[in-house]
Amino acid sequence: MFTKVISFSIVGIDAIPIDVEMDAKASSMPYFSMVGLPANSVKESKDRVITAIRNNNYYFPAKAYTVNLAPADVKKEGVAFDLPIAIALLSSLKQISPNYLDEFGLVGELSLNGEVRPIRGILPITLAAKDNGLKGIIVPEESAKEAAVVDGISVYPVNNLKECIAFLHNELDISPVKVNLSSIFEKERIDTIDMFDVKGQYNVKRALEVAAAGSHNILMIGPPGAGKTMLARRIPSILPEMTLEEAITTTKIHSVSGKLQSEHSLVAVRPFRSPHHTISDVALIGGGSYPKPGEVSLANNGVLFLDELPEFKKTVLEVMRQPLEDGVVTISRAVQSLTFPANFMLVASMNPCPCGYFGSNVKGHVCTCSPAIIQKYISRISGPLLDRIDIHVEVPAVKYDELSTDPKGEKSVDIRNRVNEGRKIQLERFAQNKNIFSNNDMVSKHLRMYCKINQECKELLKIAIEKLGLSARAYDRILKVSRTIADLDKSIDIKPEHISEAIQYRSLDRKYWL
């Protein structure tokens, strides 16, 4: 008997509907065949399904079984097809009524005793089920809260195969899972770390505030122990709070990557990713035989922190140029080409030289590096990559007087309020410009429109370019950052003091470095 069950397969960070077709007929040569481009993980489903059916005392005669996963030209992988294959098989054997199978989507991994285990990518699967007009979706109990984030579709959790069958037979009443999105956001947004904890470094905090307000990439330069990592980890606490749309997109990425923690149904705070400098380019950018998101995508709508930037392999750093420019990553393979979101704020840190103490005010630590060694160290960061970093700020060692006293700075919530005001001004400014949400997204034509400066500002820029040795590529970056500083100051025009502050944030362009 032929029967069909609706399931889903992950492609990139989205899901597509898959028809699990089953045909069982008498044959002198029993077999179990699975077609439709199944990966090895899907082919192994046969043994799990058969064992689970037998261990739950369902009748499984020796017949010729054929499973087709349609559309057949799409590669399927993962373990989410276990439950739909089992239901389709039992339906083809007339042990389950097929009356409701076209109203529900089914996903879930089966254990050998019939328990339904959680799977990756349940959020994009539920979104796809809703888009395809299904009445509801049957999911593992442990994945139900994540699925219930999607409004407009009923989510029914099951613990085992028997529960699923009883529900489809109307023998078991399962209430759809509901979640309160407001409470999730409130719970997740409780910051565990605060900018208030950082002692001193007021100029660096100001630079981070400017970077957060304009979504500018930033590089911190300073000796070991100056607090670069501590400052970086607190940047998400001053960024604007995530919207529901941003949270869902970010959660989809974490879900299909298996990075979403079981106790969290939604990524409601901006992610902070800090890969080690030994990371490979595939792990950073994404890829593999079946392309998966990398660290740049996991940091989408959040912060990607690269500590000790010059220690990263040059090939690894160079692959970041596309996502920094476009906000997406495109990975092409022989079988398919996928695009992953990668709209992140790059935060990097480095020592001023290999020993870490060039130009430092730390007593007892004298730089032992020659100018040639310093030049070689700085040049590990290529010009094209450096060109995409708007702000370079020096992080000096904290003095004893500041370390020995209680913190006196502002709390993250106060800084975030100013950042939100600055972002609000930018959103209003770019309301008619598609795909531009912050000053960092501006290109040359937008600079001409929104960054007009008077003669006094032009003179300051001329001095910066000619006298201080700033590079030509710094010109646009200074205008962008000046626009952000003016927005924080709630100024319509860019003033000389805004230009002056922006010039200070170009440390690596100065001649004494290079």
Protein backbone atom coordinates (compact mmCIF):
# COMPACT_ATOMS: atom_id res chain seq x y z
CA MET A 1 0.00 0.00 0.00
CA PHE A 2 1.20 3.50 -0.87
CA THR A 3 1.22 6.27 1.73
CA LYS A 4 2.78 9.73 2.14
CA VAL A 5 3.97 11.74 5.14
CA ILE A 6 5.14 15.37 5.11
CA SER A 7 8.56 16.13 6.58
CA PHE A 8 11.30 18.72 6.07
CA SER A 9 14.97 18.98 5.16
CA ILE A 10 17.45 21.73 6.02
CA VAL A 11 19.12 23.55 3.14
CA GLY A 12 21.51 26.20 4.42
CA ILE A 13 19.60 27.86 7.26
CA ASP A 14 16.17 27.31 5.74
CA ALA A 15 13.97 24.24 5.40
CA ILE A 16 12.09 22.81 2.45
CA PRO A 17 9.14 20.36 2.55
CA ILE A 18 9.95 16.73 1.77
CA ASP A 19 7.35 14.10 0.87
CA VAL A 20 8.23 10.82 2.56
CA GLU A 21 6.56 8.29 0.24
CA MET A 22 6.30 4.66 1.32
CA ASP A 23 5.19 1.63 -0.63
CA ALA A 24 4.98 -1.86 0.91
CA LYS A 25 4.04 -4.96 -1.08
CA ALA A 26 4.37 -8.69 -0.82
CA SER A 27 7.51 -10.13 -2.38
CA SER A 28 9.39 -13.39 -2.45
CA MET A 29 12.55 -11.32 -1.92
CA PRO A 30 11.97 -8.93 1.00
CA TYR A 31 14.03 -5.73 1.00
CA PHE A 32 14.07 -2.17 2.30
CA SER A 33 15.14 0.39 -0.29
CA MET A 34 15.53 4.14 0.23
CA VAL A 35 15.83 6.52 -2.73
CA GLY A 36 15.81 10.29 -3.25
CA LEU A 37 19.46 11.25 -2.64
CA PRO A 38 19.65 10.25 1.05
CA ALA A 39 22.94 10.87 2.87
CA ASN A 40 24.45 8.12 5.00
CA SER A 41 22.78 9.48 8.13
CA VAL A 42 19.40 9.12 6.37
CA LYS A 43 20.15 5.63 5.03
CA GLU A 44 20.94 4.46 8.55
CA SER A 45 17.40 5.47 9.49
CA LYS A 46 16.21 2.08 8.20
CA ASP A 47 17.79 0.14 11.07
CA ARG A 48 16.60 2.59 13.73
CA VAL A 49 13.04 2.62 12.39
CA ILE A 50 12.68 -1.16 12.04
CA THR A 51 14.12 -1.81 15.50
CA ALA A 52 11.93 0.85 17.12
CA ILE A 53 8.80 -0.57 15.47
CA ARG A 54 9.54 -4.10 16.63
CA ASN A 55 10.49 -3.00 20.16
CA ASN A 56 7.11 -1.27 20.47
CA ASN A 57 5.28 -4.46 19.44
CA TYR A 58 4.01 -3.28 16.09
CA TYR A 59 3.63 -5.79 13.27
CA PHE A 60 6.46 -5.70 10.76
CA PRO A 61 6.11 -8.41 8.10
CA ALA A 62 8.75 -9.36 5.57
CA LYS A 63 7.82 -7.37 2.46
CA ALA A 64 9.38 -5.20 -0.21
CA TYR A 65 9.57 -1.67 1.21
CA THR A 66 10.48 1.34 -0.90
CA VAL A 67 10.95 4.81 0.60
CA ASN A 68 11.16 7.81 -1.72
CA LEU A 69 12.19 11.24 -0.43
CA ALA A 70 10.77 13.77 -2.87
CA PRO A 71 11.89 16.00 -4.51
CA ALA A 72 14.50 13.44 -5.48
CA ASP A 73 17.07 15.93 -6.79
CA VAL A 74 17.69 17.53 -3.36
CA LYS A 75 20.31 15.94 -1.12
CA LYS A 76 18.87 14.95 2.27
CA GLU A 77 20.89 14.59 5.44
CA GLY A 78 20.33 14.35 9.16
CA VAL A 79 18.21 12.18 11.42
CA ALA A 80 14.93 14.13 11.28
CA PHE A 81 13.37 11.60 8.88
CA ASP A 82 13.25 8.74 11.43
CA LEU A 83 9.80 9.56 12.81
CA PRO A 84 8.10 10.34 9.46
CA ILE A 85 9.54 7.17 7.90
CA ALA A 86 8.24 5.08 10.82
CA ILE A 87 4.77 6.65 10.58
CA ALA A 88 4.70 6.21 6.80
CA LEU A 89 5.75 2.57 7.15
CA LEU A 90 3.05 1.76 9.73
CA SER A 91 0.48 3.59 7.65
CA SER A 92 1.39 1.55 4.58
CA LEU A 93 0.86 -1.59 6.71
CA LYS A 94 -2.61 -0.24 7.69
CA GLN A 95 -1.66 0.03 11.35
CA ILE A 96 -2.21 3.81 11.28
CA SER A 97 -5.12 5.62 9.69
CA PRO A 98 -3.83 7.97 6.95
CA ASN A 99 -6.69 10.45 7.46
CA TYR A 100 -4.66 13.18 9.20
CA LEU A 101 -1.21 12.63 7.71
CA ASP A 102 -1.61 15.42 5.17
CA GLU A 103 -2.40 17.97 7.91
CA PHE A 104 0.74 17.59 10.02
CA GLY A 105 4.46 17.77 9.47
CA LEU A 106 6.61 15.25 11.32
CA VAL A 107 10.27 15.39 12.34
CA GLY A 108 12.34 13.60 14.93
CA GLU A 109 15.08 11.08 15.55
CA LEU A 110 14.11 7.66 16.90
CA SER A 111 16.03 5.66 19.47
CA LEU A 112 15.97 1.87 19.28
CA ASN A 113 13.23 1.71 21.92
CA GLY A 114 11.04 4.26 20.13
CA GLU A 115 11.88 7.42 22.06
CA VAL A 116 11.80 10.62 19.98
CA ARG A 117 15.02 12.60 20.30
CA PRO A 118 15.63 16.31 19.52
CA ILE A 119 17.02 17.42 16.18
CA ARG A 120 18.84 20.41 14.76
CA GLY A 121 17.11 23.17 12.82
CA ILE A 122 13.65 22.85 14.36
CA LEU A 123 12.99 26.61 14.08
CA PRO A 124 13.46 26.88 10.27
CA ILE A 125 11.50 23.62 9.91
CA THR A 126 8.55 25.08 11.82
CA LEU A 127 8.72 28.26 9.76
CA ALA A 128 8.58 26.15 6.58
CA ALA A 129 5.62 24.17 7.95
CA LYS A 130 3.76 27.40 8.59
CA ASP A 131 4.58 28.77 5.14
CA ASN A 132 3.21 25.57 3.57
CA GLY A 133 -0.14 25.93 5.31
CA LEU A 134 0.02 22.89 7.59
CA LYS A 135 -2.37 22.60 10.52
CA GLY A 136 0.43 21.70 12.89
CA ILE A 137 3.79 20.02 13.31
CA ILE A 138 4.74 17.07 15.51
CA VAL A 139 8.17 17.51 17.07
CA PRO A 140 10.31 15.98 19.85
CA GLU A 141 9.42 17.15 23.35
CA GLU A 142 12.85 18.72 23.88
CA SER A 143 12.55 20.77 20.68
CA ALA A 144 9.00 21.99 21.26
CA LYS A 145 9.79 25.34 22.93
CA GLU A 146 12.11 26.35 20.12
CA ALA A 147 9.45 25.43 17.54
CA ALA A 148 6.73 27.28 19.46
CA VAL A 149 8.55 30.57 18.91
CA VAL A 150 6.87 30.59 15.49
CA ASP A 151 3.43 32.15 15.71
CA GLY A 152 0.56 30.90 13.56
CA ILE A 153 1.09 27.13 13.71
CA SER A 154 0.33 24.53 16.40
CA VAL A 155 3.32 22.64 17.81
CA TYR A 156 2.62 19.20 19.27
CA PRO A 157 5.38 17.60 21.36
CA VAL A 158 5.78 13.82 21.60
CA ASN A 159 8.13 11.74 23.73
CA ASN A 160 7.96 8.46 21.85
CA LEU A 161 6.56 6.64 18.85
CA LYS A 162 3.47 5.35 20.68
CA GLU A 163 2.48 8.88 21.74
CA CYS A 164 2.72 10.06 18.15
CA ILE A 165 0.55 7.20 16.89
CA ALA A 166 -2.02 7.70 19.67
CA PHE A 167 -2.24 11.40 18.82
CA LEU A 168 -2.80 10.69 15.13
CA HIS A 169 -5.55 8.23 16.10
CA ASN A 170 -7.24 10.85 18.34
CA GLU A 171 -6.60 8.55 21.29
CA LEU A 172 -4.32 11.05 23.05
CA ASP A 173 -4.98 14.75 23.52
CA ILE A 174 -1.79 16.81 23.29
CA SER A 175 -2.02 20.53 23.95
CA PRO A 176 -0.02 22.74 21.58
CA VAL A 177 3.03 24.31 23.20
CA LYS A 178 2.86 28.07 23.80
CA VAL A 179 5.69 30.42 24.71
CA ASN A 180 5.69 34.00 25.91
CA LEU A 181 8.14 35.86 23.70
CA SER A 182 8.15 38.93 25.94
CA SER A 183 9.22 36.90 28.97
CA ILE A 184 11.89 35.13 26.92
CA PHE A 185 13.40 38.46 25.88
CA GLU A 186 13.23 39.83 29.41
CA LYS A 187 14.90 36.72 30.85
CA GLU A 188 17.63 36.50 28.22
CA ARG A 189 18.44 40.21 28.26
CA ILE A 190 19.56 40.22 31.89
CA ASP A 191 23.19 41.18 31.41
CA THR A 192 25.66 39.20 33.50
CA ILE A 193 28.55 41.54 32.69
CA ASP A 194 28.53 45.32 32.61
CA MET A 195 30.76 48.06 31.26
CA PHE A 196 30.67 49.52 34.78
CA ASP A 197 33.06 46.74 35.90
CA VAL A 198 35.88 48.14 33.73
CA LYS A 199 38.12 50.48 35.70
CA GLY A 200 39.59 53.45 33.87
CA GLN A 201 39.90 53.28 30.07
CA TYR A 202 37.41 56.10 29.61
CA ASN A 203 38.71 57.01 26.15
CA VAL A 204 38.38 53.39 25.01
CA LYS A 205 34.84 53.16 26.37
CA ARG A 206 34.01 56.26 24.39
CA ALA A 207 35.43 54.68 21.23
CA LEU A 208 33.37 51.54 21.85
CA GLU A 209 30.26 53.66 22.28
CA VAL A 210 30.92 55.34 18.93
CA ALA A 211 31.55 51.95 17.31
CA ALA A 212 28.32 50.53 18.72
CA ALA A 213 26.27 53.56 17.67
CA GLY A 214 27.43 53.41 14.05
CA SER A 215 28.02 49.65 13.84
CA HIS A 216 31.67 50.38 13.05
CA ASN A 217 34.35 47.71 13.13
CA ILE A 218 36.99 48.47 15.75
CA LEU A 219 40.57 47.44 16.51
CA MET A 220 42.04 47.83 20.01
CA ILE A 221 45.82 48.09 20.35
CA GLY A 222 47.57 47.81 23.68
CA PRO A 223 49.97 45.87 25.92
CA PRO A 224 49.05 42.55 27.58
CA GLY A 225 46.75 42.93 30.56
CA ALA A 226 45.38 46.34 29.57
CA GLY A 227 41.80 45.03 29.47
CA LYS A 228 41.18 44.58 25.73
CA THR A 229 39.36 41.26 26.10
CA MET A 230 37.40 42.48 29.12
CA LEU A 231 36.18 45.50 27.14
CA ALA A 232 35.33 43.42 24.07
CA ARG A 233 33.18 40.97 26.04
CA ARG A 234 31.05 43.85 27.28
CA ILE A 235 30.29 45.31 23.87
CA PRO A 236 27.04 43.30 23.40
CA SER A 237 25.73 44.94 26.59
CA ILE A 238 25.83 48.39 24.94
CA LEU A 239 24.50 47.36 21.51
CA PRO A 240 20.83 48.00 20.69
CA GLU A 241 18.51 45.25 21.88
CA MET A 242 17.63 42.62 19.29
CA THR A 243 14.34 42.78 17.44
CA LEU A 244 12.20 39.66 17.02
CA GLU A 245 13.19 39.43 13.35
CA GLU A 246 16.90 39.60 14.22
CA ALA A 247 16.42 37.04 17.01
CA ILE A 248 14.69 34.55 14.71
CA THR A 249 17.36 34.88 12.00
CA THR A 250 20.15 34.41 14.53
CA THR A 251 18.37 31.50 16.20
CA LYS A 252 17.97 29.75 12.84
CA ILE A 253 21.73 29.86 12.33
CA HIS A 254 22.50 28.55 15.81
CA SER A 255 19.80 25.90 15.51
CA VAL A 256 21.01 24.33 12.25
CA SER A 257 24.58 24.46 13.59
CA GLY A 258 23.63 22.62 16.77
CA LYS A 259 24.87 25.55 18.89
CA LEU A 260 21.53 26.43 20.47
CA GLN A 261 21.54 25.43 24.12
CA SER A 262 18.68 23.14 25.16
CA GLU A 263 17.44 25.54 27.85
CA HIS A 264 17.20 28.41 25.34
CA SER A 265 14.41 28.52 22.79
CA LEU A 266 15.50 31.82 21.25
CA VAL A 267 18.74 33.77 20.90
CA ALA A 268 17.38 36.97 22.43
CA VAL A 269 20.73 38.67 23.15
CA ARG A 270 23.32 39.61 20.60
CA PRO A 271 25.82 36.77 20.15
CA PHE A 272 29.47 37.14 21.06
CA ARG A 273 31.82 34.77 19.22
CA SER A 274 35.52 34.62 20.03
CA PRO A 275 37.31 31.96 17.94
CA HIS A 276 40.90 31.01 18.75
CA HIS A 277 43.61 32.25 16.40
CA THR A 278 44.30 28.64 15.27
CA ILE A 279 40.88 28.46 13.59
CA SER A 280 40.74 27.31 9.96
CA ASP A 281 39.20 29.36 7.18
CA VAL A 282 36.37 26.80 6.78
CA ALA A 283 35.50 26.98 10.49
CA LEU A 284 35.53 30.78 10.36
CA ILE A 285 33.66 31.37 7.12
CA GLY A 286 31.65 28.14 6.89
CA GLY A 287 31.76 25.25 4.46
CA GLY A 288 32.15 21.49 4.32
CA SER A 289 30.77 18.85 1.97
CA TYR A 290 27.30 19.98 3.02
CA PRO A 291 27.97 23.68 3.75
CA LYS A 292 27.38 24.71 7.36
CA PRO A 293 27.54 28.20 8.91
CA GLY A 294 30.90 29.32 10.31
CA GLU A 295 31.82 31.70 13.09
CA VAL A 296 31.08 34.80 10.99
CA SER A 297 27.48 33.58 10.59
CA LEU A 298 27.13 32.49 14.20
CA ALA A 299 28.07 36.11 15.07
CA ASN A 300 25.28 37.46 12.84
CA ASN A 301 23.60 40.49 14.45
CA GLY A 302 26.27 40.38 17.15
CA VAL A 303 30.01 40.64 17.73
CA LEU A 304 32.88 38.65 16.25
CA PHE A 305 35.92 39.14 18.46
CA LEU A 306 39.34 38.25 17.07
CA ASP A 307 41.88 38.40 19.87
CA GLU A 308 45.56 38.75 18.87
CA LEU A 309 44.59 39.59 15.28
CA PRO A 310 48.09 39.28 13.72
CA GLU A 311 48.35 35.69 15.03
CA PHE A 312 45.54 34.51 12.74
CA LYS A 313 46.62 32.89 9.48
CA LYS A 314 46.63 35.34 6.61
CA THR A 315 44.35 33.10 4.51
CA VAL A 316 41.86 33.04 7.38
CA LEU A 317 41.79 36.83 7.68
CA GLU A 318 41.44 37.36 3.95
CA VAL A 319 38.27 35.26 3.65
CA MET A 320 36.52 37.76 5.93
CA ARG A 321 36.68 40.48 3.31
CA GLN A 322 33.46 39.42 1.58
CA PRO A 323 31.26 39.20 4.70
CA LEU A 324 32.66 42.48 6.03
CA GLU A 325 31.74 44.13 2.74
CA ASP A 326 28.45 42.38 1.89
CA GLY A 327 27.07 41.13 5.20
CA VAL A 328 26.63 37.63 3.75
CA VAL A 329 28.80 34.60 2.98
CA THR A 330 28.39 32.67 -0.25
CA ILE A 331 29.76 29.12 -0.26
CA SER A 332 29.81 27.24 -3.56
CA ARG A 333 30.18 23.49 -3.92
CA ALA A 334 29.72 21.13 -6.83
CA VAL A 335 26.22 20.14 -5.73
CA GLN A 336 24.94 23.51 -4.49
CA SER A 337 25.68 27.12 -3.63
CA LEU A 338 24.43 28.52 -0.34
CA THR A 339 24.35 32.00 1.17
CA PHE A 340 24.51 32.52 4.94
CA PRO A 341 23.88 35.82 6.79
CA ALA A 342 27.05 37.36 8.25
CA ASN A 343 26.09 40.85 9.37
CA PHE A 344 28.35 41.22 12.39
CA MET A 345 30.40 43.88 14.13
CA LEU A 346 34.10 43.01 13.96
CA VAL A 347 36.01 43.71 17.16
CA ALA A 348 39.72 42.87 17.10
CA SER A 349 42.63 43.33 19.46
CA MET A 350 46.38 43.16 19.11
CA ASN A 351 49.63 44.03 20.83
CA PRO A 352 51.59 46.98 19.41
CA CYS A 353 54.54 44.67 18.71
CA PRO A 354 55.52 40.98 19.21
CA CYS A 355 56.74 41.55 22.79
CA GLY A 356 53.67 43.70 23.49
CA TYR A 357 55.31 46.75 25.08
CA PHE A 358 56.11 49.16 22.24
CA GLY A 359 55.15 52.66 23.41
CA SER A 360 53.85 51.23 26.69
CA ASN A 361 53.82 53.15 29.97
CA VAL A 362 54.22 49.94 31.99
CA LYS A 363 57.19 50.37 34.33
CA GLY A 364 59.81 47.64 34.05
CA HIS A 365 58.70 46.54 30.57
CA VAL A 366 60.88 47.88 27.75
CA CYS A 367 60.17 46.98 24.16
CA THR A 368 62.91 44.78 22.69
CA CYS A 369 61.57 44.78 19.13
CA SER A 370 63.40 46.50 16.30
CA PRO A 371 61.52 48.76 13.86
CA ALA A 372 61.79 46.07 11.19
CA ILE A 373 60.22 43.46 13.48
CA ILE A 374 57.41 45.85 14.44
CA GLN A 375 56.79 46.64 10.77
CA LYS A 376 56.63 42.93 9.92
CA TYR A 377 54.25 42.28 12.80
CA ILE A 378 51.86 45.10 11.84
CA SER A 379 51.97 44.10 8.15
CA ARG A 380 50.43 40.72 8.97
CA ILE A 381 47.15 42.61 8.77
CA SER A 382 46.59 43.31 5.08
CA GLY A 383 45.63 46.72 3.76
CA PRO A 384 42.25 45.55 2.36
CA LEU A 385 41.27 44.11 5.74
CA LEU A 386 42.50 47.15 7.65
CA ASP A 387 40.55 49.29 5.20
CA ARG A 388 37.34 47.72 6.52
CA ILE A 389 38.06 48.65 10.14
CA ASP A 390 36.84 52.17 10.88
CA ILE A 391 38.23 52.71 14.36
CA HIS A 392 41.71 51.99 15.74
CA VAL A 393 42.05 52.87 19.40
CA GLU A 394 45.00 52.54 21.74
CA VAL A 395 44.36 50.79 25.06
CA PRO A 396 46.99 51.87 27.62
CA ALA A 397 47.84 49.92 30.75
CA VAL A 398 45.62 50.82 33.70
CA LYS A 399 47.39 52.75 36.46
CA TYR A 400 47.42 51.55 40.07
CA ASP A 401 45.31 54.48 41.30
CA GLU A 402 42.47 53.38 39.02
CA LEU A 403 42.85 49.70 39.84
CA SER A 404 42.79 50.25 43.60
CA THR A 405 39.57 52.29 43.66
CA ASP A 406 35.95 51.29 43.11
CA PRO A 407 34.59 51.54 39.56
CA LYS A 408 33.37 55.02 38.67
CA GLY A 409 32.25 54.64 35.06
CA GLU A 410 28.80 54.45 33.52
CA LYS A 411 26.65 51.34 33.45
CA SER A 412 26.01 49.57 30.18
CA VAL A 413 22.33 50.51 30.20
CA ASP A 414 23.19 54.23 30.22
CA ILE A 415 25.59 53.85 27.31
CA ARG A 416 23.06 51.69 25.45
CA ASN A 417 20.42 54.41 25.78
CA ARG A 418 22.70 56.87 23.98
CA VAL A 419 23.53 54.24 21.36
CA ASN A 420 19.82 53.66 20.75
CA GLU A 421 19.28 57.38 20.26
CA GLY A 422 22.10 57.48 17.72
CA ARG A 423 20.75 54.44 15.85
CA LYS A 424 17.27 55.96 15.79
CA ILE A 425 18.63 59.05 14.03
CA GLN A 426 20.40 56.85 11.48
CA LEU A 427 17.31 54.74 10.76
CA GLU A 428 15.31 57.88 10.10
CA ARG A 429 18.07 59.22 7.84
CA PHE A 430 18.30 56.04 5.79
CA ALA A 431 14.56 55.28 5.72
CA GLN A 432 14.48 55.65 1.92
CA ASN A 433 17.68 53.70 1.34
CA LYS A 434 17.27 49.95 1.08
CA ASN A 435 19.74 47.74 2.96
CA ILE A 436 21.33 50.66 4.87
CA PHE A 437 20.70 50.60 8.60
CA SER A 438 23.74 52.33 10.09
CA ASN A 439 26.50 54.77 9.19
CA ASN A 440 28.91 51.89 8.61
CA ASP A 441 26.79 50.77 5.62
CA MET A 442 27.31 54.04 3.74
CA VAL A 443 29.20 54.07 0.45
CA SER A 444 30.68 57.02 -1.45
CA LYS A 445 27.41 58.42 -2.77
CA HIS A 446 25.91 58.40 0.71
CA LEU A 447 28.97 60.15 2.13
CA ARG A 448 28.42 62.97 -0.36
CA MET A 449 24.78 63.23 0.68
CA TYR A 450 24.97 62.87 4.45
CA CYS A 451 28.53 63.85 5.39
CA LYS A 452 28.89 67.35 4.01
CA ILE A 453 31.45 69.38 5.91
CA ASN A 454 32.39 73.07 6.09
CA GLN A 455 35.75 74.66 5.29
CA GLU A 456 37.06 74.38 8.85
CA CYS A 457 36.43 70.63 8.84
CA LYS A 458 38.14 70.34 5.46
CA GLU A 459 41.21 72.05 6.84
CA LEU A 460 41.36 69.58 9.72
CA LEU A 461 41.14 66.68 7.31
CA LYS A 462 43.87 68.19 5.16
CA ILE A 463 46.18 68.39 8.17
CA ALA A 464 45.34 64.80 9.08
CA ILE A 465 46.15 63.54 5.61
CA GLU A 466 49.27 65.62 4.97
CA LYS A 467 50.80 66.42 8.38
CA LEU A 468 49.90 63.45 10.58
CA GLY A 469 50.57 60.93 7.86
CA LEU A 470 47.09 59.45 7.67
CA SER A 471 46.48 57.31 4.61
CA ALA A 472 44.10 58.25 1.85
CA ARG A 473 41.86 55.28 2.67
CA ALA A 474 41.27 56.81 6.10
CA TYR A 475 39.37 59.75 4.56
CA ASP A 476 36.04 57.95 4.10
CA ARG A 477 36.38 56.19 7.43
CA ILE A 478 36.88 59.49 9.25
CA LEU A 479 33.76 60.93 7.61
CA LYS A 480 31.68 57.89 8.62
CA VAL A 481 32.86 57.96 12.21
CA SER A 482 32.40 61.76 12.34
CA ARG A 483 28.81 61.31 11.22
CA THR A 484 28.23 58.82 14.06
CA ILE A 485 29.83 61.13 16.64
CA ALA A 486 27.60 63.96 15.41
CA ASP A 487 24.56 61.68 15.74
CA LEU A 488 25.50 60.88 19.35
CA ASP A 489 25.80 64.63 19.88
CA LYS A 490 22.38 65.06 18.20
CA SER A 491 23.97 67.46 15.74
CA ILE A 492 22.61 67.84 12.22
CA ASP A 493 25.97 69.06 10.89
CA ILE A 494 29.39 67.50 11.29
CA LYS A 495 31.46 69.94 13.34
CA PRO A 496 35.26 70.33 13.73
CA GLU A 497 35.22 68.63 17.14
CA HIS A 498 33.56 65.59 15.57
CA ILE A 499 36.24 65.44 12.89
CA SER A 500 38.98 65.83 15.49
CA GLU A 501 37.69 62.94 17.57
CA ALA A 502 37.35 60.71 14.51
CA ILE A 503 40.96 61.48 13.50
CA GLN A 504 42.13 60.19 16.88
CA TYR A 505 40.63 56.81 16.02
CA ARG A 506 43.12 56.09 13.20
CA SER A 507 46.16 54.89 15.17
CA LEU A 508 47.46 52.40 12.62
CA ASP A 509 47.46 54.98 9.84
CA ARG A 510 49.99 57.21 11.57
CA LYS A 511 53.59 57.25 10.39
CA TYR A 512 55.11 56.36 13.75
CA TRP A 513 53.44 52.97 13.48
CA LEU A 514 54.28 52.26 9.88
